[in-house]
Amino acid sequence: MSDTPAEPAPTTLRAAVWLLFAEGAGMVGLTAYLAYELLTADAVGLASAAMLTVFAALGAVALFLLGRTLGQGRAGARGPAIVLQLMLCAVGYYMIQGGLAWLGFLLIALGLGVCGLLLAPASTRALGVG
């Protein structure tokens, strides 16, 4: 056992991890809403509704796993986390196009913010990337 304690994660990395957990919690809420809608819907389009619900649940699991893995200091999770954040930006763009501009801009800002936190020099050093 080493006499020197492990260096704590920098604020940028901890903030990114907590935002990934918050996004995962939001996806859990979305999954619950979609499951409710699926169970109370008419018989039209149930297969696509079920697939959408499963996709949301898998997204929630992915966000939680990536957050946990980054919290453990594993650099391999940074790339997939950034990809999910860029996908969030795409969702935000289409929400703006669909008339929910306030939510779309919020999602884009969140996605770019988490990308910035993950690419910050302090996070990069802590993950041992580069």
N, C-alpha and C. Protein backbone atom coordinates (compact mmCIF):
# COMPACT_ATOMS: atom_id res chain seq x y z
N MET A 1 0.84 -1.16 0.00
CA MET A 1 0.00 0.00 0.00
C MET A 1 0.89 1.24 0.00
N SER A 2 0.54 2.20 -0.79
CA SER A 2 1.36 3.39 -0.93
C SER A 2 1.13 4.35 0.23
N ASP A 3 2.20 5.07 0.59
CA ASP A 3 2.07 6.07 1.66
C ASP A 3 1.43 7.36 1.18
N THR A 4 1.49 7.61 -0.13
CA THR A 4 0.91 8.85 -0.65
C THR A 4 -0.52 8.59 -1.08
N PRO A 5 -1.44 9.44 -0.63
CA PRO A 5 -2.83 9.24 -1.03
C PRO A 5 -3.03 9.57 -2.50
N ALA A 6 -4.02 8.96 -3.09
CA ALA A 6 -4.34 9.22 -4.50
C ALA A 6 -4.75 10.68 -4.66
N GLU A 7 -4.29 11.27 -5.75
CA GLU A 7 -4.62 12.66 -6.02
C GLU A 7 -6.09 12.76 -6.40
N PRO A 8 -6.83 13.69 -5.80
CA PRO A 8 -8.25 13.80 -6.12
C PRO A 8 -8.46 14.26 -7.56
N ALA A 9 -9.56 13.88 -8.12
CA ALA A 9 -9.89 14.27 -9.50
C ALA A 9 -10.08 15.78 -9.55
N PRO A 10 -9.69 16.40 -10.66
CA PRO A 10 -9.87 17.84 -10.77
C PRO A 10 -11.36 18.21 -10.85
N THR A 11 -11.63 19.45 -10.57
CA THR A 11 -13.02 19.93 -10.57
C THR A 11 -13.68 19.73 -11.92
N THR A 12 -12.95 19.93 -13.00
CA THR A 12 -13.55 19.79 -14.32
C THR A 12 -14.03 18.37 -14.57
N LEU A 13 -13.22 17.39 -14.17
CA LEU A 13 -13.61 16.00 -14.37
C LEU A 13 -14.77 15.62 -13.46
N ARG A 14 -14.72 16.06 -12.20
CA ARG A 14 -15.83 15.76 -11.28
C ARG A 14 -17.12 16.38 -11.78
N ALA A 15 -17.07 17.61 -12.30
CA ALA A 15 -18.27 18.27 -12.83
C ALA A 15 -18.82 17.50 -14.02
N ALA A 16 -17.93 17.04 -14.90
CA ALA A 16 -18.38 16.27 -16.06
C ALA A 16 -19.05 14.97 -15.63
N VAL A 17 -18.47 14.32 -14.64
CA VAL A 17 -19.05 13.06 -14.14
C VAL A 17 -20.43 13.31 -13.56
N TRP A 18 -20.57 14.35 -12.75
CA TRP A 18 -21.88 14.64 -12.16
C TRP A 18 -22.90 15.04 -13.22
N LEU A 19 -22.47 15.76 -14.24
CA LEU A 19 -23.41 16.10 -15.32
C LEU A 19 -23.82 14.86 -16.11
N LEU A 20 -22.90 13.91 -16.29
CA LEU A 20 -23.28 12.66 -16.94
C LEU A 20 -24.29 11.90 -16.09
N PHE A 21 -24.09 11.89 -14.77
CA PHE A 21 -25.07 11.25 -13.90
C PHE A 21 -26.42 11.96 -13.97
N ALA A 22 -26.41 13.28 -14.04
CA ALA A 22 -27.66 14.05 -14.14
C ALA A 22 -28.36 13.75 -15.47
N GLU A 23 -27.59 13.66 -16.54
CA GLU A 23 -28.18 13.29 -17.83
C GLU A 23 -28.77 11.88 -17.76
N GLY A 24 -28.07 10.98 -17.11
CA GLY A 24 -28.58 9.62 -16.95
C GLY A 24 -29.89 9.60 -16.17
N ALA A 25 -29.96 10.42 -15.13
CA ALA A 25 -31.21 10.52 -14.36
C ALA A 25 -32.33 11.08 -15.22
N GLY A 26 -32.00 12.06 -16.05
CA GLY A 26 -33.00 12.59 -16.97
C GLY A 26 -33.48 11.54 -17.95
N MET A 27 -32.56 10.70 -18.41
CA MET A 27 -32.95 9.62 -19.32
C MET A 27 -33.81 8.57 -18.62
N VAL A 28 -33.56 8.35 -17.34
CA VAL A 28 -34.42 7.44 -16.57
C VAL A 28 -35.84 8.01 -16.53
N GLY A 29 -35.95 9.31 -16.27
CA GLY A 29 -37.26 9.95 -16.27
C GLY A 29 -37.93 9.85 -17.64
N LEU A 30 -37.18 10.07 -18.69
CA LEU A 30 -37.73 9.95 -20.04
C LEU A 30 -38.17 8.52 -20.32
N THR A 31 -37.38 7.56 -19.87
CA THR A 31 -37.74 6.16 -20.06
C THR A 31 -39.03 5.82 -19.33
N ALA A 32 -39.18 6.32 -18.11
CA ALA A 32 -40.41 6.07 -17.36
C ALA A 32 -41.61 6.69 -18.07
N TYR A 33 -41.45 7.90 -18.58
CA TYR A 33 -42.54 8.55 -19.32
C TYR A 33 -42.89 7.75 -20.57
N LEU A 34 -41.87 7.32 -21.32
CA LEU A 34 -42.13 6.55 -22.53
C LEU A 34 -42.77 5.20 -22.22
N ALA A 35 -42.36 4.57 -21.13
CA ALA A 35 -42.97 3.30 -20.74
C ALA A 35 -44.44 3.50 -20.38
N TYR A 36 -44.74 4.59 -19.67
CA TYR A 36 -46.14 4.90 -19.34
C TYR A 36 -46.94 5.10 -20.61
N GLU A 37 -46.40 5.89 -21.53
CA GLU A 37 -47.10 6.15 -22.79
C GLU A 37 -47.29 4.85 -23.58
N LEU A 38 -46.30 3.98 -23.54
CA LEU A 38 -46.39 2.71 -24.24
C LEU A 38 -47.49 1.84 -23.66
N LEU A 39 -47.57 1.80 -22.33
CA LEU A 39 -48.56 0.93 -21.68
C LEU A 39 -49.98 1.47 -21.80
N THR A 40 -50.13 2.75 -21.99
CA THR A 40 -51.47 3.34 -22.07
C THR A 40 -51.88 3.71 -23.48
N ALA A 41 -51.05 3.40 -24.47
CA ALA A 41 -51.34 3.79 -25.85
C ALA A 41 -52.25 2.79 -26.54
N ASP A 42 -52.80 3.25 -27.66
CA ASP A 42 -53.56 2.35 -28.51
C ASP A 42 -52.61 1.39 -29.21
N ALA A 43 -53.14 0.45 -29.93
CA ALA A 43 -52.33 -0.60 -30.55
C ALA A 43 -51.59 -0.14 -31.79
N VAL A 44 -51.61 1.14 -32.11
CA VAL A 44 -50.94 1.64 -33.31
C VAL A 44 -49.48 1.96 -32.99
N GLY A 45 -48.56 1.37 -33.69
CA GLY A 45 -47.14 1.67 -33.56
C GLY A 45 -46.51 1.22 -32.26
N LEU A 46 -46.97 0.14 -31.68
CA LEU A 46 -46.41 -0.32 -30.41
C LEU A 46 -44.97 -0.80 -30.54
N ALA A 47 -44.63 -1.40 -31.68
CA ALA A 47 -43.27 -1.91 -31.85
C ALA A 47 -42.26 -0.76 -31.85
N SER A 48 -42.55 0.30 -32.58
CA SER A 48 -41.62 1.42 -32.61
C SER A 48 -41.59 2.14 -31.26
N ALA A 49 -42.71 2.20 -30.58
CA ALA A 49 -42.73 2.82 -29.25
C ALA A 49 -41.92 2.00 -28.26
N ALA A 50 -42.01 0.69 -28.36
CA ALA A 50 -41.23 -0.17 -27.46
C ALA A 50 -39.74 -0.03 -27.74
N MET A 51 -39.36 0.05 -29.00
CA MET A 51 -37.95 0.22 -29.35
C MET A 51 -37.42 1.57 -28.86
N LEU A 52 -38.23 2.61 -28.95
CA LEU A 52 -37.83 3.92 -28.46
C LEU A 52 -37.62 3.89 -26.94
N THR A 53 -38.50 3.20 -26.24
CA THR A 53 -38.37 3.07 -24.79
C THR A 53 -37.10 2.30 -24.42
N VAL A 54 -36.82 1.22 -25.13
CA VAL A 54 -35.61 0.44 -24.88
C VAL A 54 -34.37 1.27 -25.19
N PHE A 55 -34.41 2.04 -26.27
CA PHE A 55 -33.28 2.89 -26.64
C PHE A 55 -33.01 3.93 -25.55
N ALA A 56 -34.07 4.53 -25.00
CA ALA A 56 -33.90 5.50 -23.92
C ALA A 56 -33.31 4.83 -22.68
N ALA A 57 -33.76 3.63 -22.37
CA ALA A 57 -33.23 2.91 -21.21
C ALA A 57 -31.75 2.58 -21.40
N LEU A 58 -31.37 2.16 -22.60
CA LEU A 58 -29.97 1.87 -22.87
C LEU A 58 -29.12 3.14 -22.80
N GLY A 59 -29.68 4.26 -23.23
CA GLY A 59 -28.98 5.53 -23.11
C GLY A 59 -28.72 5.89 -21.66
N ALA A 60 -29.71 5.67 -20.81
CA ALA A 60 -29.54 5.95 -19.39
C ALA A 60 -28.44 5.08 -18.79
N VAL A 61 -28.45 3.80 -19.12
CA VAL A 61 -27.43 2.89 -18.61
C VAL A 61 -26.05 3.33 -19.10
N ALA A 62 -25.95 3.68 -20.37
CA ALA A 62 -24.67 4.11 -20.93
C ALA A 62 -24.14 5.35 -20.23
N LEU A 63 -25.01 6.32 -19.97
CA LEU A 63 -24.56 7.55 -19.31
C LEU A 63 -24.08 7.26 -17.89
N PHE A 64 -24.80 6.42 -17.17
CA PHE A 64 -24.36 6.08 -15.81
C PHE A 64 -23.03 5.32 -15.82
N LEU A 65 -22.89 4.36 -16.74
CA LEU A 65 -21.64 3.59 -16.80
C LEU A 65 -20.46 4.47 -17.21
N LEU A 66 -20.67 5.36 -18.16
CA LEU A 66 -19.59 6.26 -18.57
C LEU A 66 -19.22 7.20 -17.44
N GLY A 67 -20.21 7.71 -16.72
CA GLY A 67 -19.92 8.58 -15.58
C GLY A 67 -19.13 7.86 -14.51
N ARG A 68 -19.53 6.64 -14.22
CA ARG A 68 -18.82 5.86 -13.20
C ARG A 68 -17.39 5.54 -13.64
N THR A 69 -17.24 5.17 -14.90
CA THR A 69 -15.92 4.82 -15.42
C THR A 69 -14.99 6.04 -15.44
N LEU A 70 -15.52 7.19 -15.86
CA LEU A 70 -14.70 8.41 -15.83
C LEU A 70 -14.38 8.80 -14.40
N GLY A 71 -15.30 8.59 -13.49
CA GLY A 71 -15.06 8.88 -12.09
C GLY A 71 -13.94 8.04 -11.50
N GLN A 72 -13.72 6.86 -12.09
CA GLN A 72 -12.63 5.99 -11.66
C GLN A 72 -11.31 6.34 -12.34
N GLY A 73 -11.36 7.34 -13.22
CA GLY A 73 -10.14 7.79 -13.88
C GLY A 73 -9.73 7.00 -15.10
N ARG A 74 -10.65 6.30 -15.71
CA ARG A 74 -10.33 5.51 -16.90
C ARG A 74 -10.53 6.34 -18.15
N ALA A 75 -9.48 6.53 -18.89
CA ALA A 75 -9.49 7.41 -20.06
C ALA A 75 -10.32 6.85 -21.21
N GLY A 76 -10.50 5.55 -21.28
CA GLY A 76 -11.23 4.94 -22.38
C GLY A 76 -12.68 5.36 -22.48
N ALA A 77 -13.24 5.88 -21.42
CA ALA A 77 -14.64 6.30 -21.43
C ALA A 77 -14.82 7.72 -21.95
N ARG A 78 -13.73 8.46 -22.09
CA ARG A 78 -13.86 9.86 -22.51
C ARG A 78 -14.40 9.97 -23.93
N GLY A 79 -13.89 9.19 -24.86
CA GLY A 79 -14.35 9.25 -26.25
C GLY A 79 -15.84 8.95 -26.39
N PRO A 80 -16.32 7.82 -25.84
CA PRO A 80 -17.76 7.54 -25.94
C PRO A 80 -18.62 8.60 -25.25
N ALA A 81 -18.13 9.16 -24.15
CA ALA A 81 -18.90 10.21 -23.47
C ALA A 81 -19.01 11.44 -24.36
N ILE A 82 -17.93 11.78 -25.04
CA ILE A 82 -17.97 12.94 -25.95
C ILE A 82 -18.91 12.67 -27.11
N VAL A 83 -18.90 11.44 -27.64
CA VAL A 83 -19.82 11.10 -28.74
C VAL A 83 -21.27 11.26 -28.29
N LEU A 84 -21.60 10.80 -27.09
CA LEU A 84 -22.97 10.97 -26.60
C LEU A 84 -23.33 12.44 -26.43
N GLN A 85 -22.37 13.26 -26.03
CA GLN A 85 -22.65 14.69 -25.88
C GLN A 85 -22.88 15.34 -27.23
N LEU A 86 -22.14 14.92 -28.25
CA LEU A 86 -22.36 15.45 -29.59
C LEU A 86 -23.71 15.00 -30.15
N MET A 87 -24.12 13.79 -29.79
CA MET A 87 -25.46 13.34 -30.18
C MET A 87 -26.52 14.19 -29.48
N LEU A 88 -26.26 14.59 -28.25
CA LEU A 88 -27.17 15.46 -27.53
C LEU A 88 -27.30 16.80 -28.23
N CYS A 89 -26.20 17.29 -28.79
CA CYS A 89 -26.24 18.54 -29.55
C CYS A 89 -27.13 18.38 -30.79
N ALA A 90 -27.05 17.23 -31.44
CA ALA A 90 -27.90 16.98 -32.61
C ALA A 90 -29.37 16.95 -32.20
N VAL A 91 -29.67 16.33 -31.07
CA VAL A 91 -31.06 16.32 -30.58
C VAL A 91 -31.52 17.74 -30.29
N GLY A 92 -30.65 18.54 -29.70
CA GLY A 92 -30.98 19.93 -29.43
C GLY A 92 -31.27 20.71 -30.69
N TYR A 93 -30.48 20.47 -31.74
CA TYR A 93 -30.71 21.16 -33.02
C TYR A 93 -32.11 20.83 -33.56
N TYR A 94 -32.47 19.56 -33.53
CA TYR A 94 -33.78 19.19 -34.06
C TYR A 94 -34.91 19.67 -33.16
N MET A 95 -34.66 19.85 -31.89
CA MET A 95 -35.68 20.43 -31.02
C MET A 95 -35.89 21.90 -31.36
N ILE A 96 -34.81 22.59 -31.70
CA ILE A 96 -34.94 23.98 -32.13
C ILE A 96 -35.76 24.04 -33.41
N GLN A 97 -35.47 23.15 -34.35
CA GLN A 97 -36.20 23.12 -35.61
C GLN A 97 -37.67 22.75 -35.39
N GLY A 98 -37.94 21.97 -34.36
CA GLY A 98 -39.29 21.52 -34.08
C GLY A 98 -40.11 22.48 -33.23
N GLY A 99 -39.55 23.60 -32.85
CA GLY A 99 -40.32 24.60 -32.11
C GLY A 99 -40.06 24.67 -30.62
N LEU A 100 -39.15 23.84 -30.12
CA LEU A 100 -38.80 23.89 -28.71
C LEU A 100 -37.41 24.50 -28.56
N ALA A 101 -37.27 25.74 -29.00
CA ALA A 101 -35.96 26.38 -29.06
C ALA A 101 -35.29 26.46 -27.70
N TRP A 102 -36.04 26.81 -26.67
CA TRP A 102 -35.43 26.96 -25.34
C TRP A 102 -34.79 25.67 -24.87
N LEU A 103 -35.49 24.54 -25.09
CA LEU A 103 -34.96 23.25 -24.67
C LEU A 103 -33.81 22.82 -25.57
N GLY A 104 -33.92 23.10 -26.86
CA GLY A 104 -32.85 22.77 -27.79
C GLY A 104 -31.57 23.50 -27.46
N PHE A 105 -31.65 24.80 -27.18
CA PHE A 105 -30.46 25.55 -26.82
C PHE A 105 -29.87 25.04 -25.50
N LEU A 106 -30.73 24.66 -24.57
CA LEU A 106 -30.27 24.12 -23.30
C LEU A 106 -29.50 22.81 -23.50
N LEU A 107 -30.03 21.93 -24.35
CA LEU A 107 -29.36 20.66 -24.61
C LEU A 107 -28.04 20.86 -25.33
N ILE A 108 -27.99 21.79 -26.28
CA ILE A 108 -26.74 22.07 -26.98
C ILE A 108 -25.71 22.63 -26.01
N ALA A 109 -26.13 23.55 -25.17
CA ALA A 109 -25.21 24.12 -24.18
C ALA A 109 -24.70 23.04 -23.22
N LEU A 110 -25.58 22.14 -22.79
CA LEU A 110 -25.18 21.06 -21.90
C LEU A 110 -24.17 20.14 -22.59
N GLY A 111 -24.47 19.73 -23.81
CA GLY A 111 -23.57 18.85 -24.54
C GLY A 111 -22.21 19.46 -24.78
N LEU A 112 -22.18 20.71 -25.22
CA LEU A 112 -20.90 21.37 -25.45
C LEU A 112 -20.16 21.63 -24.14
N GLY A 113 -20.91 21.93 -23.08
CA GLY A 113 -20.29 22.16 -21.78
C GLY A 113 -19.60 20.92 -21.25
N VAL A 114 -20.27 19.78 -21.34
CA VAL A 114 -19.65 18.53 -20.86
C VAL A 114 -18.45 18.17 -21.74
N CYS A 115 -18.56 18.39 -23.05
CA CYS A 115 -17.40 18.16 -23.93
C CYS A 115 -16.23 19.03 -23.49
N GLY A 116 -16.50 20.29 -23.21
CA GLY A 116 -15.45 21.19 -22.76
C GLY A 116 -14.82 20.73 -21.46
N LEU A 117 -15.65 20.27 -20.54
CA LEU A 117 -15.11 19.78 -19.26
C LEU A 117 -14.25 18.54 -19.45
N LEU A 118 -14.67 17.66 -20.35
CA LEU A 118 -13.89 16.44 -20.58
C LEU A 118 -12.60 16.70 -21.34
N LEU A 119 -12.58 17.77 -22.15
CA LEU A 119 -11.39 18.10 -22.93
C LEU A 119 -10.50 19.13 -22.24
N ALA A 120 -10.91 19.59 -21.07
CA ALA A 120 -10.12 20.57 -20.34
C ALA A 120 -8.75 19.98 -19.99
N PRO A 121 -7.72 20.81 -19.96
CA PRO A 121 -6.38 20.29 -19.65
C PRO A 121 -6.31 19.54 -18.33
N ALA A 122 -7.00 20.00 -17.31
CA ALA A 122 -6.96 19.31 -16.02
C ALA A 122 -7.57 17.91 -16.12
N SER A 123 -8.67 17.79 -16.84
CA SER A 123 -9.30 16.47 -17.03
C SER A 123 -8.40 15.56 -17.85
N THR A 124 -7.80 16.13 -18.89
CA THR A 124 -6.92 15.36 -19.75
C THR A 124 -5.73 14.80 -18.95
N ARG A 125 -5.14 15.66 -18.10
CA ARG A 125 -4.02 15.19 -17.27
C ARG A 125 -4.47 14.11 -16.29
N ALA A 126 -5.62 14.33 -15.66
CA ALA A 126 -6.10 13.36 -14.67
C ALA A 126 -6.40 12.00 -15.29
N LEU A 127 -6.85 12.00 -16.55
CA LEU A 127 -7.15 10.75 -17.24
C LEU A 127 -5.91 10.14 -17.87
N GLY A 128 -4.83 10.90 -17.90
CA GLY A 128 -3.59 10.39 -18.49
C GLY A 128 -3.63 10.30 -20.00
N VAL A 129 -4.40 11.19 -20.61
CA VAL A 129 -4.52 11.21 -22.07
C VAL A 129 -3.51 12.20 -22.63
N GLY A 130 -2.84 11.82 -23.71
CA GLY A 130 -1.94 12.77 -24.37
C GLY A 130 -0.61 12.75 -23.90
